[in-house]
Amino acid sequence: QVQLVESGGGLVQAGGSLRLSCAASGSGFSSFAMGWYRQAPGKQRELVASINIGGSTGYADSVKGRFTISRDNAKNTVYLQMNKLKPEDTAVYYCRVGRSATWGQGTQVTVSS
C-alpha cells in the first residue's frame, strides 16, 4: 500500500516562495496521477494542482502562473513550487494519489502579510 509524506511547509512573507515535497513509499508511483490539495480554516479542501503519468499538469485558477507541480519518478516524489505567495494561500497542503483515498498527513503553509 502506498503511503505519502509531505514536507516543506512553513511560515513565509507575502511574495516569498516555498517548495513542498510529497514522498511516496511502495511501488507503482510512476503509474499514478498525483494531486496537491489545500484546506484553509473553515473552508472545503480544494484541488490546487495535478500531474498525470505523462507529465501533463493542471492548476486551479487562483494559483496559475505562481505554482508549478512536478514529479521525479526515480525518487517517488511529487513537488509543488509555490512562488509569489499570498496570505490567501495559507492552508494545510495535502498530496493525494489520483482520486483515491490515499492522502498524506498534510503540511502547514502560512503566508504573512
PDB file of N, CA and C in Angstrom:
ATOM      1  N   GLN A   1       0.835  -1.187   0.000  1.00  0.00           N
ATOM      2  CA  GLN A   1       0.000   0.000   0.000  1.00  0.00           C
ATOM      3  C   GLN A   1       0.876   1.246   0.000  1.00  0.00           C
ATOM      4  N   VAL A   2       0.510   2.221  -0.810  1.00  0.00           N
ATOM      5  CA  VAL A   2       1.282   3.450  -0.914  1.00  0.00           C
ATOM      6  C   VAL A   2       0.994   4.340   0.279  1.00  0.00           C
ATOM      7  N   GLN A   3       2.048   4.925   0.837  1.00  0.00           N
ATOM      8  CA  GLN A   3       1.915   5.939   1.875  1.00  0.00           C
ATOM      9  C   GLN A   3       2.604   7.201   1.395  1.00  0.00           C
ATOM     10  N   LEU A   4       2.056   8.351   1.797  1.00  0.00           N
ATOM     11  CA  LEU A   4       2.551   9.650   1.349  1.00  0.00           C
ATOM     12  C   LEU A   4       2.980  10.482   2.543  1.00  0.00           C
ATOM     13  N   VAL A   5       4.118  11.167   2.402  1.00  0.00           N
ATOM     14  CA  VAL A   5       4.596  12.049   3.464  1.00  0.00           C
ATOM     15  C   VAL A   5       4.974  13.393   2.843  1.00  0.00           C
ATOM     16  N   GLU A   6       4.266  14.442   3.277  1.00  0.00           N
ATOM     17  CA  GLU A   6       4.554  15.781   2.788  1.00  0.00           C
ATOM     18  C   GLU A   6       5.592  16.467   3.677  1.00  0.00           C
ATOM     19  N   SER A   7       6.322  17.402   3.085  1.00  0.00           N
ATOM     20  CA  SER A   7       7.264  18.232   3.827  1.00  0.00           C
ATOM     21  C   SER A   7       7.455  19.532   3.078  1.00  0.00           C
ATOM     22  N   GLY A   8       8.093  20.496   3.759  1.00  0.00           N
ATOM     23  CA  GLY A   8       8.447  21.741   3.110  1.00  0.00           C
ATOM     24  C   GLY A   8       7.585  22.930   3.467  1.00  0.00           C
ATOM     25  N   GLY A   9       6.556  22.710   4.264  1.00  0.00           N
ATOM     26  CA  GLY A   9       5.722  23.830   4.669  1.00  0.00           C
ATOM     27  C   GLY A   9       6.448  24.734   5.651  1.00  0.00           C
ATOM     28  N   GLY A  10       5.819  25.871   5.966  1.00  0.00           N
ATOM     29  CA  GLY A  10       6.414  26.793   6.914  1.00  0.00           C
ATOM     30  C   GLY A  10       5.757  28.142   6.857  1.00  0.00           C
ATOM     31  N   LEU A  11       6.413  29.105   7.490  1.00  0.00           N
ATOM     32  CA  LEU A  11       5.942  30.480   7.540  1.00  0.00           C
ATOM     33  C   LEU A  11       6.786  31.317   6.584  1.00  0.00           C
ATOM     34  N   VAL A  12       6.115  32.074   5.730  1.00  0.00           N
ATOM     35  CA  VAL A  12       6.820  32.896   4.752  1.00  0.00           C
ATOM     36  C   VAL A  12       6.073  34.210   4.590  1.00  0.00           C
ATOM     37  N   GLN A  13       6.783  35.249   4.246  1.00  0.00           N
ATOM     38  CA  GLN A  13       6.147  36.544   3.994  1.00  0.00           C
ATOM     39  C   GLN A  13       5.503  36.555   2.608  1.00  0.00           C
ATOM     40  N   ALA A  14       4.507  37.374   2.469  1.00  0.00           N
ATOM     41  CA  ALA A  14       3.860  37.545   1.170  1.00  0.00           C
ATOM     42  C   ALA A  14       4.913  37.898   0.117  1.00  0.00           C
ATOM     43  N   GLY A  15       4.773  37.280  -1.057  1.00  0.00           N
ATOM     44  CA  GLY A  15       5.745  37.470  -2.118  1.00  0.00           C
ATOM     45  C   GLY A  15       6.864  36.450  -2.119  1.00  0.00           C
ATOM     46  N   GLY A  16       6.952  35.670  -1.051  1.00  0.00           N
ATOM     47  CA  GLY A  16       8.009  34.675  -0.941  1.00  0.00           C
ATOM     48  C   GLY A  16       7.668  33.369  -1.632  1.00  0.00           C
ATOM     49  N   SER A  17       8.553  32.401  -1.446  1.00  0.00           N
ATOM     50  CA  SER A  17       8.418  31.105  -2.119  1.00  0.00           C
ATOM     51  C   SER A  17       8.624  29.956  -1.136  1.00  0.00           C
ATOM     52  N   LEU A  18       8.006  28.850  -1.445  1.00  0.00           N
ATOM     53  CA  LEU A  18       8.224  27.594  -0.740  1.00  0.00           C
ATOM     54  C   LEU A  18       8.146  26.462  -1.756  1.00  0.00           C
ATOM     55  N   ARG A  19       8.835  25.364  -1.459  1.00  0.00           N
ATOM     56  CA  ARG A  19       8.689  24.162  -2.273  1.00  0.00           C
ATOM     57  C   ARG A  19       8.254  23.010  -1.378  1.00  0.00           C
ATOM     58  N   LEU A  20       7.108  22.469  -1.695  1.00  0.00           N
ATOM     59  CA  LEU A  20       6.583  21.320  -0.969  1.00  0.00           C
ATOM     60  C   LEU A  20       7.014  20.031  -1.674  1.00  0.00           C
ATOM     61  N   SER A  21       7.254  19.007  -0.869  1.00  0.00           N
ATOM     62  CA  SER A  21       7.585  17.693  -1.404  1.00  0.00           C
ATOM     63  C   SER A  21       6.607  16.672  -0.854  1.00  0.00           C
ATOM     64  N   CYS A  22       6.327  15.679  -1.646  1.00  0.00           N
ATOM     65  CA  CYS A  22       5.473  14.567  -1.228  1.00  0.00           C
ATOM     66  C   CYS A  22       6.165  13.281  -1.647  1.00  0.00           C
ATOM     67  N   ALA A  23       6.680  12.557  -0.662  1.00  0.00           N
ATOM     68  CA  ALA A  23       7.408  11.320  -0.934  1.00  0.00           C
ATOM     69  C   ALA A  23       6.472  10.132  -0.758  1.00  0.00           C
ATOM     70  N   ALA A  24       6.486   9.254  -1.747  1.00  0.00           N
ATOM     71  CA  ALA A  24       5.624   8.073  -1.722  1.00  0.00           C
ATOM     72  C   ALA A  24       6.439   6.820  -1.457  1.00  0.00           C
ATOM     73  N   SER A  25       5.939   6.004  -0.559  1.00  0.00           N
ATOM     74  CA  SER A  25       6.550   4.699  -0.332  1.00  0.00           C
ATOM     75  C   SER A  25       5.749   3.653  -1.088  1.00  0.00           C
ATOM     76  N   GLY A  26       6.331   2.501  -1.276  1.00  0.00           N
ATOM     77  CA  GLY A  26       5.643   1.468  -2.025  1.00  0.00           C
ATOM     78  C   GLY A  26       5.959   1.545  -3.501  1.00  0.00           C
ATOM     79  N   SER A  27       5.378   0.648  -4.258  1.00  0.00           N
ATOM     80  CA  SER A  27       5.695   0.562  -5.682  1.00  0.00           C
ATOM     81  C   SER A  27       4.579   1.162  -6.535  1.00  0.00           C
ATOM     82  N   GLY A  28       4.931   1.426  -7.764  1.00  0.00           N
ATOM     83  CA  GLY A  28       3.930   1.858  -8.731  1.00  0.00           C
ATOM     84  C   GLY A  28       3.749   3.349  -8.861  1.00  0.00           C
ATOM     85  N   PHE A  29       4.625   4.116  -8.220  1.00  0.00           N
ATOM     86  CA  PHE A  29       4.443   5.576  -8.220  1.00  0.00           C
ATOM     87  C   PHE A  29       4.318   6.133  -9.624  1.00  0.00           C
ATOM     88  N   SER A  30       5.130   5.654 -10.540  1.00  0.00           N
ATOM     89  CA  SER A  30       5.138   6.225 -11.888  1.00  0.00           C
ATOM     90  C   SER A  30       3.822   5.978 -12.630  1.00  0.00           C
ATOM     91  N   SER A  31       2.997   5.089 -12.136  1.00  0.00           N
ATOM     92  CA  SER A  31       1.721   4.792 -12.785  1.00  0.00           C
ATOM     93  C   SER A  31       0.549   5.537 -12.149  1.00  0.00           C
ATOM     94  N   PHE A  32       0.847   6.433 -11.205  1.00  0.00           N
ATOM     95  CA  PHE A  32      -0.201   7.182 -10.518  1.00  0.00           C
ATOM     96  C   PHE A  32      -0.243   8.632 -10.994  1.00  0.00           C
ATOM     97  N   ALA A  33      -1.447   9.133 -11.226  1.00  0.00           N
ATOM     98  CA  ALA A  33      -1.602  10.574 -11.273  1.00  0.00           C
ATOM     99  C   ALA A  33      -1.512  11.082  -9.833  1.00  0.00           C
ATOM    100  N   MET A  34      -1.042  12.302  -9.654  1.00  0.00           N
ATOM    101  CA  MET A  34      -0.872  12.858  -8.307  1.00  0.00           C
ATOM    102  C   MET A  34      -1.477  14.258  -8.253  1.00  0.00           C
ATOM    103  N   GLY A  35      -1.934  14.626  -7.081  1.00  0.00           N
ATOM    104  CA  GLY A  35      -2.508  15.947  -6.924  1.00  0.00           C
ATOM    105  C   GLY A  35      -2.093  16.589  -5.609  1.00  0.00           C
ATOM    106  N   TRP A  36      -2.043  17.905  -5.626  1.00  0.00           N
ATOM    107  CA  TRP A  36      -1.862  18.700  -4.410  1.00  0.00           C
ATOM    108  C   TRP A  36      -3.188  19.407  -4.118  1.00  0.00           C
ATOM    109  N   TYR A  37      -3.613  19.329  -2.880  1.00  0.00           N
ATOM    110  CA  TYR A  37      -4.832  19.971  -2.411  1.00  0.00           C
ATOM    111  C   TYR A  37      -4.473  20.871  -1.229  1.00  0.00           C
ATOM    112  N   ARG A  38      -5.412  21.746  -0.898  1.00  0.00           N
ATOM    113  CA  ARG A  38      -5.218  22.553   0.308  1.00  0.00           C
ATOM    114  C   ARG A  38      -6.558  22.778   0.996  1.00  0.00           C
ATOM    115  N   GLN A  39      -6.459  22.990   2.292  1.00  0.00           N
ATOM    116  CA  GLN A  39      -7.656  23.279   3.076  1.00  0.00           C
ATOM    117  C   GLN A  39      -7.341  24.388   4.066  1.00  0.00           C
ATOM    118  N   ALA A  40      -8.036  25.501   3.888  1.00  0.00           N
ATOM    119  CA  ALA A  40      -7.906  26.632   4.799  1.00  0.00           C
ATOM    120  C   ALA A  40      -8.946  26.488   5.907  1.00  0.00           C
ATOM    121  N   PRO A  41      -8.722  27.121   7.055  1.00  0.00           N
ATOM    122  CA  PRO A  41      -9.682  27.012   8.169  1.00  0.00           C
ATOM    123  C   PRO A  41     -11.082  27.435   7.741  1.00  0.00           C
ATOM    124  N   GLY A  42     -12.058  26.598   8.035  1.00  0.00           N
ATOM    125  CA  GLY A  42     -13.439  26.914   7.722  1.00  0.00           C
ATOM    126  C   GLY A  42     -13.825  26.738   6.267  1.00  0.00           C
ATOM    127  N   LYS A  43     -12.906  26.224   5.460  1.00  0.00           N
ATOM    128  CA  LYS A  43     -13.191  26.051   4.032  1.00  0.00           C
ATOM    129  C   LYS A  43     -13.048  24.587   3.625  1.00  0.00           C
ATOM    130  N   GLN A  44     -13.636  24.264   2.486  1.00  0.00           N
ATOM    131  CA  GLN A  44     -13.524  22.913   1.966  1.00  0.00           C
ATOM    132  C   GLN A  44     -12.142  22.690   1.356  1.00  0.00           C
ATOM    133  N   ARG A  45     -11.738  21.434   1.342  1.00  0.00           N
ATOM    134  CA  ARG A  45     -10.478  21.085   0.698  1.00  0.00           C
ATOM    135  C   ARG A  45     -10.648  21.290  -0.809  1.00  0.00           C
ATOM    136  N   GLU A  46      -9.636  21.880  -1.444  1.00  0.00           N
ATOM    137  CA  GLU A  46      -9.719  22.159  -2.863  1.00  0.00           C
ATOM    138  C   GLU A  46      -8.467  21.664  -3.587  1.00  0.00           C
ATOM    139  N   LEU A  47      -8.669  21.287  -4.853  1.00  0.00           N
ATOM    140  CA  LEU A  47      -7.551  20.858  -5.692  1.00  0.00           C
ATOM    141  C   LEU A  47      -6.765  22.080  -6.142  1.00  0.00           C
ATOM    142  N   VAL A  48      -5.474  22.028  -5.948  1.00  0.00           N
ATOM    143  CA  VAL A  48      -4.602  23.138  -6.326  1.00  0.00           C
ATOM    144  C   VAL A  48      -3.896  22.840  -7.642  1.00  0.00           C
ATOM    145  N   ALA A  49      -3.344  21.635  -7.763  1.00  0.00           N
ATOM    146  CA  ALA A  49      -2.579  21.272  -8.950  1.00  0.00           C
ATOM    147  C   ALA A  49      -2.570  19.763  -9.096  1.00  0.00           C
ATOM    148  N   SER A  50      -2.456  19.303 -10.331  1.00  0.00           N
ATOM    149  CA  SER A  50      -2.404  17.865 -10.603  1.00  0.00           C
ATOM    150  C   SER A  50      -1.410  17.592 -11.713  1.00  0.00           C
ATOM    151  N   ILE A  51      -0.921  16.351 -11.715  1.00  0.00           N
ATOM    152  CA  ILE A  51       0.010  15.928 -12.753  1.00  0.00           C
ATOM    153  C   ILE A  51      -0.292  14.471 -13.076  1.00  0.00           C
ATOM    154  N   ASN A  52      -0.392  14.160 -14.376  1.00  0.00           N
ATOM    155  CA  ASN A  52      -0.703  12.784 -14.732  1.00  0.00           C
ATOM    156  C   ASN A  52       0.578  11.998 -15.021  1.00  0.00           C
ATOM    157  N   ILE A  53       0.409  10.749 -15.420  1.00  0.00           N
ATOM    158  CA  ILE A  53       1.582   9.892 -15.578  1.00  0.00           C
ATOM    159  C   ILE A  53       2.440  10.333 -16.760  1.00  0.00           C
ATOM    160  N   GLY A  54       1.865  11.090 -17.672  1.00  0.00           N
ATOM    161  CA  GLY A  54       2.636  11.600 -18.805  1.00  0.00           C
ATOM    162  C   GLY A  54       3.292  12.939 -18.546  1.00  0.00           C
ATOM    163  N   GLY A  55       3.002  13.502 -17.363  1.00  0.00           N
ATOM    164  CA  GLY A  55       3.591  14.787 -17.012  1.00  0.00           C
ATOM    165  C   GLY A  55       2.733  15.996 -17.329  1.00  0.00           C
ATOM    166  N   SER A  56       1.538  15.777 -17.873  1.00  0.00           N
ATOM    167  CA  SER A  56       0.635  16.899 -18.121  1.00  0.00           C
ATOM    168  C   SER A  56       0.111  17.432 -16.795  1.00  0.00           C
ATOM    169  N   THR A  57      -0.006  18.746 -16.725  1.00  0.00           N
ATOM    170  CA  THR A  57      -0.366  19.388 -15.457  1.00  0.00           C
ATOM    171  C   THR A  57      -1.641  20.216 -15.588  1.00  0.00           C
ATOM    172  N   GLY A  58      -2.267  20.451 -14.452  1.00  0.00           N
ATOM    173  CA  GLY A  58      -3.431  21.314 -14.383  1.00  0.00           C
ATOM    174  C   GLY A  58      -3.389  22.106 -13.098  1.00  0.00           C
ATOM    175  N   TYR A  59      -3.989  23.300 -13.102  1.00  0.00           N
ATOM    176  CA  TYR A  59      -3.927  24.191 -11.949  1.00  0.00           C
ATOM    177  C   TYR A  59      -5.261  24.865 -11.697  1.00  0.00           C
ATOM    178  N   ALA A  60      -5.513  25.149 -10.432  1.00  0.00           N
ATOM    179  CA  ALA A  60      -6.632  25.995 -10.088  1.00  0.00           C
ATOM    180  C   ALA A  60      -6.334  27.403 -10.592  1.00  0.00           C
ATOM    181  N   ASP A  61      -7.390  28.116 -10.955  1.00  0.00           N
ATOM    182  CA  ASP A  61      -7.198  29.478 -11.482  1.00  0.00           C
ATOM    183  C   ASP A  61      -6.461  30.369 -10.484  1.00  0.00           C
ATOM    184  N   SER A  62      -6.684  30.143  -9.214  1.00  0.00           N
ATOM    185  CA  SER A  62      -6.112  31.009  -8.181  1.00  0.00           C
ATOM    186  C   SER A  62      -4.593  30.887  -8.076  1.00  0.00           C
ATOM    187  N   VAL A  63      -4.016  29.813  -8.636  1.00  0.00           N
ATOM    188  CA  VAL A  63      -2.567  29.619  -8.498  1.00  0.00           C
ATOM    189  C   VAL A  63      -1.843  29.593  -9.840  1.00  0.00           C
ATOM    190  N   LYS A  64      -2.582  29.665 -10.929  1.00  0.00           N
ATOM    191  CA  LYS A  64      -1.935  29.632 -12.251  1.00  0.00           C
ATOM    192  C   LYS A  64      -0.916  30.746 -12.386  1.00  0.00           C
ATOM    193  N   GLY A  65       0.242  30.374 -12.912  1.00  0.00           N
ATOM    194  CA  GLY A  65       1.316  31.348 -13.092  1.00  0.00           C
ATOM    195  C   GLY A  65       2.172  31.557 -11.863  1.00  0.00           C
ATOM    196  N   ARG A  66       1.743  30.997 -10.722  1.00  0.00           N
ATOM    197  CA  ARG A  66       2.523  31.153  -9.485  1.00  0.00           C
ATOM    198  C   ARG A  66       3.034  29.806  -8.964  1.00  0.00           C
ATOM    199  N   PHE A  67       2.251  28.755  -9.123  1.00  0.00           N
ATOM    200  CA  PHE A  67       2.600  27.427  -8.613  1.00  0.00           C
ATOM    201  C   PHE A  67       2.972  26.517  -9.774  1.00  0.00           C
ATOM    202  N   THR A  68       3.902  25.595  -9.511  1.00  0.00           N
ATOM    203  CA  THR A  68       4.300  24.602 -10.506  1.00  0.00           C
ATOM    204  C   THR A  68       4.390  23.231  -9.852  1.00  0.00           C
ATOM    205  N   ILE A  69       3.671  22.280 -10.406  1.00  0.00           N
ATOM    206  CA  ILE A  69       3.741  20.901  -9.926  1.00  0.00           C
ATOM    207  C   ILE A  69       4.682  20.119 -10.825  1.00  0.00           C
ATOM    208  N   SER A  70       5.459  19.237 -10.233  1.00  0.00           N
ATOM    209  CA  SER A  70       6.375  18.399 -10.997  1.00  0.00           C
ATOM    210  C   SER A  70       6.540  17.078 -10.267  1.00  0.00           C
ATOM    211  N   ARG A  71       7.135  16.118 -10.947  1.00  0.00           N
ATOM    212  CA  ARG A  71       7.345  14.814 -10.329  1.00  0.00           C
ATOM    213  C   ARG A  71       8.696  14.259 -10.734  1.00  0.00           C
ATOM    214  N   ASP A  72       9.265  13.470  -9.832  1.00  0.00           N
ATOM    215  CA  ASP A  72      10.508  12.759 -10.095  1.00  0.00           C
ATOM    216  C   ASP A  72      10.222  11.291  -9.796  1.00  0.00           C
ATOM    217  N   ASN A  73       9.964  10.527 -10.820  1.00  0.00           N
ATOM    218  CA  ASN A  73       9.587   9.125 -10.622  1.00  0.00           C
ATOM    219  C   ASN A  73      10.733   8.299 -10.043  1.00  0.00           C
ATOM    220  N   ALA A  74      11.967   8.704 -10.312  1.00  0.00           N
ATOM    221  CA  ALA A  74      13.116   7.973  -9.758  1.00  0.00           C
ATOM    222  C   ALA A  74      13.173   8.124  -8.243  1.00  0.00           C
ATOM    223  N   LYS A  75      12.629   9.228  -7.734  1.00  0.00           N
ATOM    224  CA  LYS A  75      12.636   9.487  -6.293  1.00  0.00           C
ATOM    225  C   LYS A  75      11.270   9.263  -5.668  1.00  0.00           C
ATOM    226  N   ASN A  76      10.313   8.807  -6.473  1.00  0.00           N
ATOM    227  CA  ASN A  76       8.941   8.602  -5.950  1.00  0.00           C
ATOM    228  C   ASN A  76       8.415   9.850  -5.250  1.00  0.00           C
ATOM    229  N   THR A  77       8.638  11.006  -5.856  1.00  0.00           N
ATOM    230  CA  THR A  77       8.317  12.271  -5.203  1.00  0.00           C
ATOM    231  C   THR A  77       7.613  13.216  -6.168  1.00  0.00           C
ATOM    232  N   VAL A  78       6.617  13.904  -5.643  1.00  0.00           N
ATOM    233  CA  VAL A  78       5.957  14.974  -6.382  1.00  0.00           C
ATOM    234  C   VAL A  78       6.198  16.277  -5.616  1.00  0.00           C
ATOM    235  N   TYR A  79       6.383  17.347  -6.358  1.00  0.00           N
ATOM    236  CA  TYR A  79       6.730  18.641  -5.784  1.00  0.00           C
ATOM    237  C   TYR A  79       5.665  19.682  -6.124  1.00  0.00           C
ATOM    238  N   LEU A  80       5.620  20.714  -5.284  1.00  0.00           N
ATOM    239  CA  LEU A  80       4.808  21.884  -5.585  1.00  0.00           C
ATOM    240  C   LEU A  80       5.668  23.112  -5.281  1.00  0.00           C
ATOM    241  N   GLN A  81       6.124  23.754  -6.341  1.00  0.00           N
ATOM    242  CA  GLN A  81       6.876  25.001  -6.195  1.00  0.00           C
ATOM    243  C   GLN A  81       5.883  26.147  -6.139  1.00  0.00           C
ATOM    244  N   MET A  82       5.926  26.912  -5.068  1.00  0.00           N
ATOM    245  CA  MET A  82       4.968  27.991  -4.854  1.00  0.00           C
ATOM    246  C   MET A  82       5.717  29.304  -4.799  1.00  0.00           C
ATOM    247  N   ASN A  83       5.458  30.168  -5.753  1.00  0.00           N
ATOM    248  CA  ASN A  83       6.086  31.484  -5.833  1.00  0.00           C
ATOM    249  C   ASN A  83       5.042  32.572  -5.655  1.00  0.00           C
ATOM    250  N   LYS A  84       5.518  33.769  -5.370  1.00  0.00           N
ATOM    251  CA  LYS A  84       4.632  34.931  -5.213  1.00  0.00           C
ATOM    252  C   LYS A  84       3.471  34.604  -4.276  1.00  0.00           C
ATOM    253  N   LEU A  85       3.794  34.033  -3.144  1.00  0.00           N
ATOM    254  CA  LEU A  85       2.765  33.594  -2.210  1.00  0.00           C
ATOM    255  C   LEU A  85       1.969  34.771  -1.661  1.00  0.00           C
ATOM    256  N   LYS A  86       0.696  34.497  -1.408  1.00  0.00           N
ATOM    257  CA  LYS A  86      -0.229  35.491  -0.897  1.00  0.00           C
ATOM    258  C   LYS A  86      -0.798  35.003   0.436  1.00  0.00           C
ATOM    259  N   PRO A  87      -1.272  35.903   1.274  1.00  0.00           N
ATOM    260  CA  PRO A  87      -1.886  35.457   2.535  1.00  0.00           C
ATOM    261  C   PRO A  87      -3.024  34.463   2.313  1.00  0.00           C
ATOM    262  N   GLU A  88      -3.745  34.604   1.226  1.00  0.00           N
ATOM    263  CA  GLU A  88      -4.864  33.682   0.954  1.00  0.00           C
ATOM    264  C   GLU A  88      -4.401  32.284   0.557  1.00  0.00           C
ATOM    265  N   ASP A  89      -3.102  32.089   0.380  1.00  0.00           N
ATOM    266  CA  ASP A  89      -2.573  30.743   0.137  1.00  0.00           C
ATOM    267  C   ASP A  89      -2.374  29.976   1.446  1.00  0.00           C
ATOM    268  N   THR A  90      -2.566  30.629   2.570  1.00  0.00           N
ATOM    269  CA  THR A  90      -2.421  29.974   3.869  1.00  0.00           C
ATOM    270  C   THR A  90      -3.408  28.825   4.001  1.00  0.00           C
ATOM    271  N   ALA A  91      -2.877  27.635   4.290  1.00  0.00           N
ATOM    272  CA  ALA A  91      -3.704  26.433   4.374  1.00  0.00           C
ATOM    273  C   ALA A  91      -2.820  25.257   4.755  1.00  0.00           C
ATOM    274  N   VAL A  92      -3.463  24.143   5.048  1.00  0.00           N
ATOM    275  CA  VAL A  92      -2.754  22.874   5.134  1.00  0.00           C
ATOM    276  C   VAL A  92      -2.763  22.265   3.731  1.00  0.00           C
ATOM    277  N   TYR A  93      -1.609  21.874   3.260  1.00  0.00           N
ATOM    278  CA  TYR A  93      -1.471  21.323   1.917  1.00  0.00           C
ATOM    279  C   TYR A  93      -1.280  19.810   2.012  1.00  0.00           C
ATOM    280  N   TYR A  94      -2.031  19.106   1.168  1.00  0.00           N
ATOM    281  CA  TYR A  94      -2.013  17.650   1.147  1.00  0.00           C
ATOM    282  C   TYR A  94      -1.704  17.153  -0.253  1.00  0.00           C
ATOM    283  N   CYS A  95      -1.016  16.023  -0.339  1.00  0.00           N
ATOM    284  CA  CYS A  95      -0.917  15.357  -1.627  1.00  0.00           C
ATOM    285  C   CYS A  95      -1.808  14.118  -1.607  1.00  0.00           C
ATOM    286  N   ARG A  96      -2.153  13.681  -2.784  1.00  0.00           N
ATOM    287  CA  ARG A  96      -3.119  12.586  -2.928  1.00  0.00           C
ATOM    288  C   ARG A  96      -2.767  11.785  -4.157  1.00  0.00           C
ATOM    289  N   VAL A  97      -2.970  10.484  -4.085  1.00  0.00           N
ATOM    290  CA  VAL A  97      -2.810   9.626  -5.254  1.00  0.00           C
ATOM    291  C   VAL A  97      -4.089   9.695  -6.070  1.00  0.00           C
ATOM    292  N   GLY A  98      -4.020  10.279  -7.242  1.00  0.00           N
ATOM    293  CA  GLY A  98      -5.157  10.349  -8.150  1.00  0.00           C
ATOM    294  C   GLY A  98      -6.418  10.809  -7.439  1.00  0.00           C
ATOM    295  N   ARG A  99      -7.473  10.024  -7.606  1.00  0.00           N
ATOM    296  CA  ARG A  99      -8.733  10.290  -6.915  1.00  0.00           C
ATOM    297  C   ARG A  99      -8.983   9.236  -5.842  1.00  0.00           C
ATOM    298  N   SER A 100      -7.905   8.624  -5.368  1.00  0.00           N
ATOM    299  CA  SER A 100      -8.018   7.559  -4.386  1.00  0.00           C
ATOM    300  C   SER A 100      -8.217   8.100  -2.985  1.00  0.00           C
ATOM    301  N   ALA A 101      -8.292   7.178  -2.058  1.00  0.00           N
ATOM    302  CA  ALA A 101      -8.414   7.537  -0.646  1.00  0.00           C
ATOM    303  C   ALA A 101      -7.061   7.682   0.019  1.00  0.00           C
ATOM    304  N   THR A 102      -5.997   7.664  -0.769  1.00  0.00           N
ATOM    305  CA  THR A 102      -4.646   7.753  -0.209  1.00  0.00           C
ATOM    306  C   THR A 102      -4.182   9.199  -0.179  1.00  0.00           C
ATOM    307  N   TRP A 103      -4.076   9.713   1.046  1.00  0.00           N
ATOM    308  CA  TRP A 103      -3.668  11.096   1.287  1.00  0.00           C
ATOM    309  C   TRP A 103      -2.444  11.102   2.193  1.00  0.00           C
ATOM    310  N   GLY A 104      -1.678  12.183   2.106  1.00  0.00           N
ATOM    311  CA  GLY A 104      -0.648  12.411   3.089  1.00  0.00           C
ATOM    312  C   GLY A 104      -1.236  13.050   4.336  1.00  0.00           C
ATOM    313  N   GLN A 105      -0.374  13.330   5.307  1.00  0.00           N
ATOM    314  CA  GLN A 105      -0.842  13.883   6.577  1.00  0.00           C
ATOM    315  C   GLN A 105      -0.988  15.393   6.534  1.00  0.00           C
ATOM    316  N   GLY A 106      -0.443  16.015   5.525  1.00  0.00           N
ATOM    317  CA  GLY A 106      -0.556  17.454   5.361  1.00  0.00           C
ATOM    318  C   GLY A 106       0.639  18.211   5.898  1.00  0.00           C
ATOM    319  N   THR A 107       0.876  19.386   5.329  1.00  0.00           N
ATOM    320  CA  THR A 107       1.935  20.283   5.802  1.00  0.00           C
ATOM    321  C   THR A 107       1.382  21.703   5.793  1.00  0.00           C
ATOM    322  N   GLN A 108       1.629  22.423   6.870  1.00  0.00           N
ATOM    323  CA  GLN A 108       1.050  23.764   7.048  1.00  0.00           C
ATOM    324  C   GLN A 108       1.877  24.803   6.292  1.00  0.00           C
ATOM    325  N   VAL A 109       1.181  25.622   5.533  1.00  0.00           N
ATOM    326  CA  VAL A 109       1.786  26.779   4.876  1.00  0.00           C
ATOM    327  C   VAL A 109       1.096  28.023   5.411  1.00  0.00           C
ATOM    328  N   THR A 110       1.868  28.947   5.943  1.00  0.00           N
ATOM    329  CA  THR A 110       1.334  30.198   6.471  1.00  0.00           C
ATOM    330  C   THR A 110       2.051  31.350   5.792  1.00  0.00           C
ATOM    331  N   VAL A 111       1.267  32.233   5.187  1.00  0.00           N
ATOM    332  CA  VAL A 111       1.821  33.384   4.480  1.00  0.00           C
ATOM    333  C   VAL A 111       1.397  34.637   5.229  1.00  0.00           C
ATOM    334  N   SER A 112       2.352  35.379   5.716  1.00  0.00           N
ATOM    335  CA  SER A 112       2.056  36.598   6.467  1.00  0.00           C
ATOM    336  C   SER A 112       2.053  37.805   5.539  1.00  0.00           C
ATOM    337  N   SER A 113       1.219  38.766   5.878  1.00  0.00           N
ATOM    338  CA  SER A 113       1.103  39.964   5.035  1.00  0.00           C
ATOM    339  C   SER A 113       2.076  41.037   5.476  1.00  0.00           C
TER     340      SER A 113
END
